[in-house]
Amino acid sequence: MKKNTIYKILKLFKITLLASCSFYSKPNDKEATNELQPNHIELNKTSITKEGNLKKILNLGQKEPSNNGKENVIQKITQRFNENEKLINKIGPNIEILAQKINTDVQKIEPINQFEINKNTFPEKQDDNIDAILENNLFRRLFYSSLEYDENNIKRLITILAQASSSNGDHYRVIGLIFWTGFKIQESFEKAVNLLTKDEQRRLMFNFKTKTVKDVQENFEKLIQERNAWITIVENIISDYDKYAGIRADGIVLKEFIKNGYEHKFNPNKSMQILMDIETLLKACCDHIHY
């Protein structure tokens, strides 16, 4: 029997014994980002020289089963761990790349004019979401990062939003919704990356239910899709602005164009819900598993 297989089985029994008491505490965001694994989960291949040790564990408290029965149990458990590992390795490399990108964005220095997201461009006390972005540099950084810190797209979008107007001030609500959507999508995205550290991925691998691992993997990919869709929406707004002279010439027409064509696509709550689903899955399956 391969050493790696024996290790996985022993880990399962360790998890079972420790299920009722947990010393595990969540790492903070900085620690979590720094400890993300590079490419895939590398297990410590603990050297076990005698298969008899594994058999003793399997036989605790019960009549000794046949050798074939033991092998079947081992194969089923190992297969489940291997399925979990494959699912985790679908997102592991992406998490490492994304964590590095986040760290790079965090270290960038915001320009003095804040890419024109300032009180000169957008007056205060017109919309709560606008006020929040104006007052909080972290919120602005998250908004920039939601657009891959693409300075050209950020500047173009702000120029467009600054030209929008309305007779009743409704354009401020639309602008605030755009700011808040980008901020919340990126915030949820970064929190998910910070949650799925290498240790958390190991805990997932030794989870009993492969469906849980699959749900985490699929939800994380949904977050990536939400973020990509958001970037595409912004790029489409810029493209439409360049394409149609009529919306460039009239601020009210521009605001109506954005409202009617894109407002229904701005849904910051969706990314927040996906993050909550990931947090719930991790808490339910993995809080009792520690290293």
C-alpha atoms as a PDB file:
ATOM      1  CA  MET A   1       0.000   0.000   0.000  1.00  0.00           C
ATOM      2  CA  LYS A   2       1.339   3.414  -0.911  1.00  0.00           C
ATOM      3  CA  LYS A   3       2.560   5.634   1.916  1.00  0.00           C
ATOM      4  CA  ASN A   4       0.431   8.547   0.687  1.00  0.00           C
ATOM      5  CA  THR A   5      -2.701   6.378   0.820  1.00  0.00           C
ATOM      6  CA  ILE A   6      -1.917   5.215   4.357  1.00  0.00           C
ATOM      7  CA  TYR A   7      -1.311   8.816   5.398  1.00  0.00           C
ATOM      8  CA  LYS A   8      -4.706   9.878   4.111  1.00  0.00           C
ATOM      9  CA  ILE A   9      -6.456   7.089   6.016  1.00  0.00           C
ATOM     10  CA  LEU A  10      -4.635   7.937   9.248  1.00  0.00           C
ATOM     11  CA  LYS A  11      -5.583  11.563   8.773  1.00  0.00           C
ATOM     12  CA  LEU A  12      -9.231  10.559   8.493  1.00  0.00           C
ATOM     13  CA  PHE A  13      -9.106   8.838  11.872  1.00  0.00           C
ATOM     14  CA  LYS A  14      -7.290  11.782  13.390  1.00  0.00           C
ATOM     15  CA  ILE A  15     -10.065  14.049  12.138  1.00  0.00           C
ATOM     16  CA  THR A  16     -12.698  11.761  13.638  1.00  0.00           C
ATOM     17  CA  LEU A  17     -11.030  11.715  17.057  1.00  0.00           C
ATOM     18  CA  LEU A  18     -10.691  15.482  17.101  1.00  0.00           C
ATOM     19  CA  ALA A  19     -14.160  16.241  15.772  1.00  0.00           C
ATOM     20  CA  SER A  20     -15.505  17.226  19.195  1.00  0.00           C
ATOM     21  CA  CYS A  21     -12.800  19.674  20.178  1.00  0.00           C
ATOM     22  CA  SER A  22     -11.277  22.397  18.093  1.00  0.00           C
ATOM     23  CA  PHE A  23      -8.242  24.560  18.614  1.00  0.00           C
ATOM     24  CA  TYR A  24      -8.693  26.100  15.221  1.00  0.00           C
ATOM     25  CA  SER A  25      -9.080  29.832  14.792  1.00  0.00           C
ATOM     26  CA  LYS A  26      -9.398  31.711  11.523  1.00  0.00           C
ATOM     27  CA  PRO A  27      -6.258  33.539  10.350  1.00  0.00           C
ATOM     28  CA  ASN A  28      -6.454  37.236   9.791  1.00  0.00           C
ATOM     29  CA  ASP A  29      -6.586  38.525   6.215  1.00  0.00           C
ATOM     30  CA  LYS A  30      -2.910  39.387   6.021  1.00  0.00           C
ATOM     31  CA  GLU A  31      -1.760  36.035   7.382  1.00  0.00           C
ATOM     32  CA  ALA A  32      -4.246  34.218   5.194  1.00  0.00           C
ATOM     33  CA  THR A  33      -3.070  35.882   2.024  1.00  0.00           C
ATOM     34  CA  ASN A  34       0.586  35.279   2.824  1.00  0.00           C
ATOM     35  CA  GLU A  35       0.171  31.587   3.518  1.00  0.00           C
ATOM     36  CA  LEU A  36      -1.639  30.641   0.312  1.00  0.00           C
ATOM     37  CA  GLN A  37      -0.021  27.661  -1.340  1.00  0.00           C
ATOM     38  CA  PRO A  38       1.792  28.043  -4.682  1.00  0.00           C
ATOM     39  CA  ASN A  39       0.257  25.491  -7.014  1.00  0.00           C
ATOM     40  CA  HIS A  40      -1.363  22.478  -5.450  1.00  0.00           C
ATOM     41  CA  ILE A  41      -1.759  20.847  -2.077  1.00  0.00           C
ATOM     42  CA  GLU A  42       1.451  19.122  -1.069  1.00  0.00           C
ATOM     43  CA  LEU A  43       0.890  16.622   1.714  1.00  0.00           C
ATOM     44  CA  ASN A  44       3.515  15.681   4.261  1.00  0.00           C
ATOM     45  CA  LYS A  45       4.148  12.078   3.251  1.00  0.00           C
ATOM     46  CA  THR A  46       4.599  10.719   6.740  1.00  0.00           C
ATOM     47  CA  SER A  47       6.662   7.582   6.641  1.00  0.00           C
ATOM     48  CA  ILE A  48       4.707   4.550   7.802  1.00  0.00           C
ATOM     49  CA  THR A  49       6.652   1.356   7.410  1.00  0.00           C
ATOM     50  CA  LYS A  50       4.145  -1.205   8.616  1.00  0.00           C
ATOM     51  CA  GLU A  51       0.705  -1.667   7.169  1.00  0.00           C
ATOM     52  CA  GLY A  52      -0.153  -3.435  10.411  1.00  0.00           C
ATOM     53  CA  ASN A  53      -0.442  -0.069  12.186  1.00  0.00           C
ATOM     54  CA  LEU A  54      -3.248   0.952   9.860  1.00  0.00           C
ATOM     55  CA  LYS A  55      -5.033  -2.362  10.360  1.00  0.00           C
ATOM     56  CA  LYS A  56      -4.940  -1.923  14.138  1.00  0.00           C
ATOM     57  CA  ILE A  57      -6.667   1.434  13.808  1.00  0.00           C
ATOM     58  CA  LEU A  58      -9.325   0.009  11.531  1.00  0.00           C
ATOM     59  CA  ASN A  59      -9.961  -2.820  14.001  1.00  0.00           C
ATOM     60  CA  LEU A  60     -10.399  -0.675  17.144  1.00  0.00           C
ATOM     61  CA  GLY A  61     -13.518  -1.635  19.062  1.00  0.00           C
ATOM     62  CA  GLN A  62     -14.792  -4.147  16.514  1.00  0.00           C
ATOM     63  CA  LYS A  63     -14.357  -7.679  15.341  1.00  0.00           C
ATOM     64  CA  GLU A  64     -11.574  -7.989  12.797  1.00  0.00           C
ATOM     65  CA  PRO A  65     -13.071  -7.895   9.282  1.00  0.00           C
ATOM     66  CA  SER A  66     -11.717  -9.792   6.334  1.00  0.00           C
ATOM     67  CA  ASN A  67      -8.711  -8.461   4.458  1.00  0.00           C
ATOM     68  CA  ASN A  68     -10.920  -7.801   1.444  1.00  0.00           C
ATOM     69  CA  GLY A  69     -13.294  -5.775   3.591  1.00  0.00           C
ATOM     70  CA  LYS A  70     -10.456  -3.640   4.897  1.00  0.00           C
ATOM     71  CA  GLU A  71      -9.150  -3.052   1.410  1.00  0.00           C
ATOM     72  CA  ASN A  72     -12.604  -1.985   0.222  1.00  0.00           C
ATOM     73  CA  VAL A  73     -12.929   0.520   3.065  1.00  0.00           C
ATOM     74  CA  ILE A  74      -9.473   1.906   2.373  1.00  0.00           C
ATOM     75  CA  GLN A  75     -10.160   2.186  -1.346  1.00  0.00           C
ATOM     76  CA  LYS A  76     -13.465   4.009  -0.829  1.00  0.00           C
ATOM     77  CA  ILE A  77     -12.011   6.501   1.623  1.00  0.00           C
ATOM     78  CA  THR A  78      -8.942   7.084  -0.517  1.00  0.00           C
ATOM     79  CA  GLN A  79     -11.104   7.581  -3.593  1.00  0.00           C
ATOM     80  CA  ARG A  80     -13.127  10.222  -1.764  1.00  0.00           C
ATOM     81  CA  PHE A  81      -9.988  12.050  -0.635  1.00  0.00           C
ATOM     82  CA  ASN A  82      -8.619  11.919  -4.179  1.00  0.00           C
ATOM     83  CA  GLU A  83     -11.857  13.361  -5.578  1.00  0.00           C
ATOM     84  CA  ASN A  84     -11.694  16.153  -3.011  1.00  0.00           C
ATOM     85  CA  GLU A  85      -8.088  16.847  -3.914  1.00  0.00           C
ATOM     86  CA  LYS A  86      -8.894  17.123  -7.632  1.00  0.00           C
ATOM     87  CA  LEU A  87     -11.656  19.646  -6.932  1.00  0.00           C
ATOM     88  CA  ILE A  88      -9.426  21.719  -4.676  1.00  0.00           C
ATOM     89  CA  ASN A  89      -6.609  21.736  -7.202  1.00  0.00           C
ATOM     90  CA  LYS A  90      -8.981  23.329  -9.720  1.00  0.00           C
ATOM     91  CA  ILE A  91      -8.944  26.516  -7.662  1.00  0.00           C
ATOM     92  CA  GLY A  92      -5.640  26.259  -5.763  1.00  0.00           C
ATOM     93  CA  PRO A  93      -3.379  27.676  -8.507  1.00  0.00           C
ATOM     94  CA  ASN A  94      -5.873  30.481  -9.217  1.00  0.00           C
ATOM     95  CA  ILE A  95      -5.969  31.430  -5.549  1.00  0.00           C
ATOM     96  CA  GLU A  96      -2.186  31.828  -5.462  1.00  0.00           C
ATOM     97  CA  ILE A  97      -2.178  34.058  -8.555  1.00  0.00           C
ATOM     98  CA  LEU A  98      -5.099  36.137  -7.280  1.00  0.00           C
ATOM     99  CA  ALA A  99      -3.514  36.556  -3.839  1.00  0.00           C
ATOM    100  CA  GLN A 100      -0.354  37.922  -5.450  1.00  0.00           C
ATOM    101  CA  LYS A 101      -2.432  40.368  -7.521  1.00  0.00           C
ATOM    102  CA  ILE A 102      -4.304  41.530  -4.427  1.00  0.00           C
ATOM    103  CA  ASN A 103      -1.031  42.110  -2.553  1.00  0.00           C
ATOM    104  CA  THR A 104       0.250  44.162  -5.489  1.00  0.00           C
ATOM    105  CA  ASP A 105      -2.900  46.308  -5.562  1.00  0.00           C
ATOM    106  CA  VAL A 106      -2.771  46.913  -1.809  1.00  0.00           C
ATOM    107  CA  GLN A 107       0.730  48.363  -2.137  1.00  0.00           C
ATOM    108  CA  LYS A 108      -0.149  50.778  -4.940  1.00  0.00           C
ATOM    109  CA  ILE A 109      -0.293  54.455  -4.087  1.00  0.00           C
ATOM    110  CA  GLU A 110      -3.534  56.221  -4.919  1.00  0.00           C
ATOM    111  CA  PRO A 111      -3.028  59.303  -7.110  1.00  0.00           C
ATOM    112  CA  ILE A 112      -3.619  62.644  -5.419  1.00  0.00           C
ATOM    113  CA  ASN A 113      -6.718  63.300  -7.518  1.00  0.00           C
ATOM    114  CA  GLN A 114      -8.064  59.812  -6.655  1.00  0.00           C
ATOM    115  CA  PHE A 115      -8.720  59.133 -10.360  1.00  0.00           C
ATOM    116  CA  GLU A 116     -11.205  62.039 -10.059  1.00  0.00           C
ATOM    117  CA  ILE A 117     -13.289  60.178  -7.480  1.00  0.00           C
ATOM    118  CA  ASN A 118     -13.296  63.251  -5.282  1.00  0.00           C
ATOM    119  CA  LYS A 119     -15.581  65.959  -3.956  1.00  0.00           C
ATOM    120  CA  ASN A 120     -14.870  68.244  -6.883  1.00  0.00           C
ATOM    121  CA  THR A 121     -16.284  65.693  -9.311  1.00  0.00           C
ATOM    122  CA  PHE A 122     -19.061  64.242  -7.153  1.00  0.00           C
ATOM    123  CA  PRO A 123     -20.638  66.546  -4.542  1.00  0.00           C
ATOM    124  CA  GLU A 124     -21.151  65.249  -1.026  1.00  0.00           C
ATOM    125  CA  LYS A 125     -24.490  64.421   0.580  1.00  0.00           C
ATOM    126  CA  GLN A 126     -26.182  63.482  -2.677  1.00  0.00           C
ATOM    127  CA  ASP A 127     -26.009  59.705  -2.211  1.00  0.00           C
ATOM    128  CA  ASP A 128     -24.839  57.554   0.703  1.00  0.00           C
ATOM    129  CA  ASN A 129     -22.825  55.203  -1.514  1.00  0.00           C
ATOM    130  CA  ILE A 130     -20.991  58.100  -3.148  1.00  0.00           C
ATOM    131  CA  ASP A 131     -20.233  59.572   0.282  1.00  0.00           C
ATOM    132  CA  ALA A 132     -18.835  56.231   1.476  1.00  0.00           C
ATOM    133  CA  ILE A 133     -16.485  56.004  -1.514  1.00  0.00           C
ATOM    134  CA  LEU A 134     -15.375  59.628  -1.121  1.00  0.00           C
ATOM    135  CA  GLU A 135     -14.607  59.216   2.584  1.00  0.00           C
ATOM    136  CA  ASN A 136     -12.871  55.828   2.644  1.00  0.00           C
ATOM    137  CA  ASN A 137      -9.634  55.145   0.776  1.00  0.00           C
ATOM    138  CA  LEU A 138     -10.021  51.376   1.336  1.00  0.00           C
ATOM    139  CA  PHE A 139     -13.394  51.465  -0.423  1.00  0.00           C
ATOM    140  CA  ARG A 140     -11.814  53.359  -3.319  1.00  0.00           C
ATOM    141  CA  ARG A 141      -8.917  50.900  -3.504  1.00  0.00           C
ATOM    142  CA  LEU A 142     -11.358  47.994  -3.668  1.00  0.00           C
ATOM    143  CA  PHE A 143     -13.251  49.774  -6.437  1.00  0.00           C
ATOM    144  CA  TYR A 144     -10.019  50.288  -8.402  1.00  0.00           C
ATOM    145  CA  SER A 145      -9.072  46.634  -7.892  1.00  0.00           C
ATOM    146  CA  SER A 146     -12.496  45.488  -9.076  1.00  0.00           C
ATOM    147  CA  LEU A 147     -11.460  46.924 -12.458  1.00  0.00           C
ATOM    148  CA  GLU A 148      -8.022  45.266 -12.308  1.00  0.00           C
ATOM    149  CA  TYR A 149      -6.552  48.657 -11.368  1.00  0.00           C
ATOM    150  CA  ASP A 150      -6.778  49.512 -15.082  1.00  0.00           C
ATOM    151  CA  GLU A 151      -6.108  53.249 -14.922  1.00  0.00           C
ATOM    152  CA  ASN A 152      -7.462  53.909 -18.406  1.00  0.00           C
ATOM    153  CA  ASN A 153     -10.795  52.186 -17.755  1.00  0.00           C
ATOM    154  CA  ILE A 154     -11.127  53.797 -14.326  1.00  0.00           C
ATOM    155  CA  LYS A 155     -10.501  57.287 -15.710  1.00  0.00           C
ATOM    156  CA  ARG A 156     -12.821  56.742 -18.681  1.00  0.00           C
ATOM    157  CA  LEU A 157     -15.639  55.468 -16.484  1.00  0.00           C
ATOM    158  CA  ILE A 158     -15.332  58.366 -14.040  1.00  0.00           C
ATOM    159  CA  THR A 159     -15.329  60.869 -16.918  1.00  0.00           C
ATOM    160  CA  ILE A 160     -18.550  59.315 -18.213  1.00  0.00           C
ATOM    161  CA  LEU A 161     -20.238  59.258 -14.810  1.00  0.00           C
ATOM    162  CA  ALA A 162     -19.244  62.865 -14.163  1.00  0.00           C
ATOM    163  CA  GLN A 163     -21.106  63.907 -17.328  1.00  0.00           C
ATOM    164  CA  ALA A 164     -24.337  62.155 -16.363  1.00  0.00           C
ATOM    165  CA  SER A 165     -27.087  64.373 -14.997  1.00  0.00           C
ATOM    166  CA  SER A 166     -30.813  64.445 -14.242  1.00  0.00           C
ATOM    167  CA  SER A 167     -33.468  66.955 -13.341  1.00  0.00           C
ATOM    168  CA  ASN A 168     -34.248  65.262 -10.017  1.00  0.00           C
ATOM    169  CA  GLY A 169     -30.779  64.118  -8.925  1.00  0.00           C
ATOM    170  CA  ASP A 170     -31.466  60.469  -9.737  1.00  0.00           C
ATOM    171  CA  HIS A 171     -28.131  60.248 -11.560  1.00  0.00           C
ATOM    172  CA  TYR A 172     -26.365  60.366  -8.190  1.00  0.00           C
ATOM    173  CA  ARG A 173     -28.207  57.219  -7.127  1.00  0.00           C
ATOM    174  CA  VAL A 174     -27.115  55.426 -10.327  1.00  0.00           C
ATOM    175  CA  ILE A 175     -23.512  56.583  -9.883  1.00  0.00           C
ATOM    176  CA  GLY A 176     -23.533  55.471  -6.251  1.00  0.00           C
ATOM    177  CA  LEU A 177     -24.866  52.058  -7.240  1.00  0.00           C
ATOM    178  CA  ILE A 178     -22.021  51.639  -9.738  1.00  0.00           C
ATOM    179  CA  PHE A 179     -19.411  52.539  -7.118  1.00  0.00           C
ATOM    180  CA  TRP A 180     -20.990  50.239  -4.535  1.00  0.00           C
ATOM    181  CA  THR A 181     -21.257  47.309  -6.940  1.00  0.00           C
ATOM    182  CA  GLY A 182     -17.562  47.400  -7.806  1.00  0.00           C
ATOM    183  CA  PHE A 183     -16.559  47.826  -4.169  1.00  0.00           C
ATOM    184  CA  LYS A 184     -18.724  44.964  -2.877  1.00  0.00           C
ATOM    185  CA  ILE A 185     -17.760  42.539  -5.640  1.00  0.00           C
ATOM    186  CA  GLN A 186     -14.070  43.082  -4.931  1.00  0.00           C
ATOM    187  CA  GLU A 187     -14.528  42.960  -1.165  1.00  0.00           C
ATOM    188  CA  SER A 188     -16.331  39.602  -1.404  1.00  0.00           C
ATOM    189  CA  PHE A 189     -13.760  38.329  -3.870  1.00  0.00           C
ATOM    190  CA  GLU A 190     -10.782  39.209  -1.666  1.00  0.00           C
ATOM    191  CA  LYS A 191     -12.396  37.775   1.460  1.00  0.00           C
ATOM    192  CA  ALA A 192     -12.958  34.480  -0.352  1.00  0.00           C
ATOM    193  CA  VAL A 193      -9.329  34.373  -1.480  1.00  0.00           C
ATOM    194  CA  ASN A 194      -8.192  35.048   2.079  1.00  0.00           C
ATOM    195  CA  LEU A 195     -10.462  32.326   3.454  1.00  0.00           C
ATOM    196  CA  LEU A 196      -9.209  29.593   1.157  1.00  0.00           C
ATOM    197  CA  THR A 197      -5.702  29.333   2.542  1.00  0.00           C
ATOM    198  CA  LYS A 198      -3.556  26.245   2.078  1.00  0.00           C
ATOM    199  CA  ASP A 199      -4.611  24.973   5.524  1.00  0.00           C
ATOM    200  CA  GLU A 200      -8.271  25.536   4.708  1.00  0.00           C
ATOM    201  CA  GLN A 201      -7.816  23.644   1.466  1.00  0.00           C
ATOM    202  CA  ARG A 202      -6.281  20.737   3.397  1.00  0.00           C
ATOM    203  CA  ARG A 203      -9.237  20.736   5.757  1.00  0.00           C
ATOM    204  CA  LEU A 204     -11.535  20.583   2.767  1.00  0.00           C
ATOM    205  CA  MET A 205      -9.624  17.667   1.319  1.00  0.00           C
ATOM    206  CA  PHE A 206     -10.131  15.633   4.488  1.00  0.00           C
ATOM    207  CA  ASN A 207     -13.805  16.545   4.648  1.00  0.00           C
ATOM    208  CA  PHE A 208     -16.165  13.551   4.561  1.00  0.00           C
ATOM    209  CA  LYS A 209     -18.502  14.965   1.900  1.00  0.00           C
ATOM    210  CA  THR A 210     -17.152  15.497  -1.589  1.00  0.00           C
ATOM    211  CA  LYS A 211     -20.285  17.535  -2.385  1.00  0.00           C
ATOM    212  CA  THR A 212     -19.181  20.152   0.145  1.00  0.00           C
ATOM    213  CA  VAL A 213     -15.817  20.512  -1.573  1.00  0.00           C
ATOM    214  CA  LYS A 214     -17.522  20.764  -4.950  1.00  0.00           C
ATOM    215  CA  ASP A 215     -19.902  23.441  -3.626  1.00  0.00           C
ATOM    216  CA  VAL A 216     -16.982  25.522  -2.325  1.00  0.00           C
ATOM    217  CA  GLN A 217     -15.123  25.151  -5.620  1.00  0.00           C
ATOM    218  CA  GLU A 218     -18.205  26.107  -7.673  1.00  0.00           C
ATOM    219  CA  ASN A 219     -19.043  29.091  -5.468  1.00  0.00           C
ATOM    220  CA  PHE A 220     -15.518  30.428  -5.715  1.00  0.00           C
ATOM    221  CA  GLU A 221     -15.695  30.137  -9.494  1.00  0.00           C
ATOM    222  CA  LYS A 222     -19.042  31.984  -9.398  1.00  0.00           C
ATOM    223  CA  LEU A 223     -17.317  34.865  -7.616  1.00  0.00           C
ATOM    224  CA  ILE A 224     -14.689  35.001 -10.348  1.00  0.00           C
ATOM    225  CA  GLN A 225     -17.461  35.040 -12.950  1.00  0.00           C
ATOM    226  CA  GLU A 226     -19.276  37.858 -11.126  1.00  0.00           C
ATOM    227  CA  ARG A 227     -16.116  39.935 -11.093  1.00  0.00           C
ATOM    228  CA  ASN A 228     -15.399  39.247 -14.760  1.00  0.00           C
ATOM    229  CA  ALA A 229     -18.995  40.149 -15.673  1.00  0.00           C
ATOM    230  CA  TRP A 230     -18.649  43.435 -13.769  1.00  0.00           C
ATOM    231  CA  ILE A 231     -15.498  44.339 -15.704  1.00  0.00           C
ATOM    232  CA  THR A 232     -17.281  43.534 -18.969  1.00  0.00           C
ATOM    233  CA  ILE A 233     -20.214  45.789 -18.027  1.00  0.00           C
ATOM    234  CA  VAL A 234     -17.877  48.724 -17.423  1.00  0.00           C
ATOM    235  CA  GLU A 235     -16.064  48.091 -20.699  1.00  0.00           C
ATOM    236  CA  ASN A 236     -19.415  47.997 -22.518  1.00  0.00           C
ATOM    237  CA  ILE A 237     -20.471  51.324 -20.994  1.00  0.00           C
ATOM    238  CA  ILE A 238     -17.228  52.881 -22.222  1.00  0.00           C
ATOM    239  CA  SER A 239     -17.651  51.310 -25.659  1.00  0.00           C
ATOM    240  CA  ASP A 240     -21.248  52.548 -26.000  1.00  0.00           C
ATOM    241  CA  TYR A 241     -20.202  56.024 -24.913  1.00  0.00           C
ATOM    242  CA  ASP A 242     -17.586  56.117 -27.664  1.00  0.00           C
ATOM    243  CA  LYS A 243     -19.980  54.669 -30.235  1.00  0.00           C
ATOM    244  CA  TYR A 244     -23.020  56.920 -29.827  1.00  0.00           C
ATOM    245  CA  ALA A 245     -22.549  60.665 -30.204  1.00  0.00           C
ATOM    246  CA  GLY A 246     -26.042  61.359 -28.863  1.00  0.00           C
ATOM    247  CA  ILE A 247     -25.308  60.129 -25.361  1.00  0.00           C
ATOM    248  CA  ARG A 248     -22.036  62.051 -25.251  1.00  0.00           C
ATOM    249  CA  ALA A 249     -23.773  65.326 -26.045  1.00  0.00           C
ATOM    250  CA  ASP A 250     -26.487  65.258 -23.379  1.00  0.00           C
ATOM    251  CA  GLY A 251     -25.960  64.371 -19.717  1.00  0.00           C
ATOM    252  CA  ILE A 252     -29.621  63.512 -19.139  1.00  0.00           C
ATOM    253  CA  VAL A 253     -29.671  61.185 -22.147  1.00  0.00           C
ATOM    254  CA  LEU A 254     -26.429  59.632 -20.906  1.00  0.00           C
ATOM    255  CA  LYS A 255     -27.872  58.962 -17.465  1.00  0.00           C
ATOM    256  CA  GLU A 256     -31.020  57.396 -18.939  1.00  0.00           C
ATOM    257  CA  PHE A 257     -28.908  55.279 -21.269  1.00  0.00           C
ATOM    258  CA  ILE A 258     -26.878  53.891 -18.359  1.00  0.00           C
ATOM    259  CA  LYS A 259     -29.962  53.431 -16.179  1.00  0.00           C
ATOM    260  CA  ASN A 260     -32.069  51.642 -18.790  1.00  0.00           C
ATOM    261  CA  GLY A 261     -29.265  49.604 -20.315  1.00  0.00           C
ATOM    262  CA  TYR A 262     -27.212  48.602 -17.302  1.00  0.00           C
ATOM    263  CA  GLU A 263     -28.787  49.319 -13.916  1.00  0.00           C
ATOM    264  CA  HIS A 264     -30.484  45.906 -13.761  1.00  0.00           C
ATOM    265  CA  LYS A 265     -27.039  44.296 -14.081  1.00  0.00           C
ATOM    266  CA  PHE A 266     -25.637  45.996 -10.981  1.00  0.00           C
ATOM    267  CA  ASN A 267     -26.215  43.534  -8.132  1.00  0.00           C
ATOM    268  CA  PRO A 268     -23.706  43.868  -5.267  1.00  0.00           C
ATOM    269  CA  ASN A 269     -25.820  41.588  -3.061  1.00  0.00           C
ATOM    270  CA  LYS A 270     -25.165  38.586  -5.302  1.00  0.00           C
ATOM    271  CA  SER A 271     -21.425  38.496  -4.638  1.00  0.00           C
ATOM    272  CA  MET A 272     -22.037  39.032  -0.925  1.00  0.00           C
ATOM    273  CA  GLN A 273     -24.404  36.045  -0.858  1.00  0.00           C
ATOM    274  CA  ILE A 274     -21.878  33.824  -2.651  1.00  0.00           C
ATOM    275  CA  LEU A 275     -19.258  34.744  -0.048  1.00  0.00           C
ATOM    276  CA  MET A 276     -21.690  33.930   2.770  1.00  0.00           C
ATOM    277  CA  ASP A 277     -22.361  30.543   1.163  1.00  0.00           C
ATOM    278  CA  ILE A 278     -18.622  29.791   1.095  1.00  0.00           C
ATOM    279  CA  GLU A 279     -18.241  30.851   4.736  1.00  0.00           C
ATOM    280  CA  THR A 280     -21.175  28.647   5.774  1.00  0.00           C
ATOM    281  CA  LEU A 281     -19.783  25.619   3.937  1.00  0.00           C
ATOM    282  CA  LEU A 282     -16.337  26.025   5.502  1.00  0.00           C
ATOM    283  CA  LYS A 283     -17.714  26.488   8.998  1.00  0.00           C
ATOM    284  CA  ALA A 284     -20.005  23.464   8.731  1.00  0.00           C
ATOM    285  CA  CYS A 285     -17.413  21.073   7.371  1.00  0.00           C
ATOM    286  CA  CYS A 286     -14.032  22.195   8.582  1.00  0.00           C
ATOM    287  CA  ASP A 287     -14.032  24.037  11.911  1.00  0.00           C
ATOM    288  CA  HIS A 288     -13.339  20.774  13.782  1.00  0.00           C
ATOM    289  CA  ILE A 289     -10.420  19.811  11.544  1.00  0.00           C
ATOM    290  CA  HIS A 290      -7.051  21.266  12.562  1.00  0.00           C
ATOM    291  CA  TYR A 291      -3.335  20.688  12.154  1.00  0.00           C
END
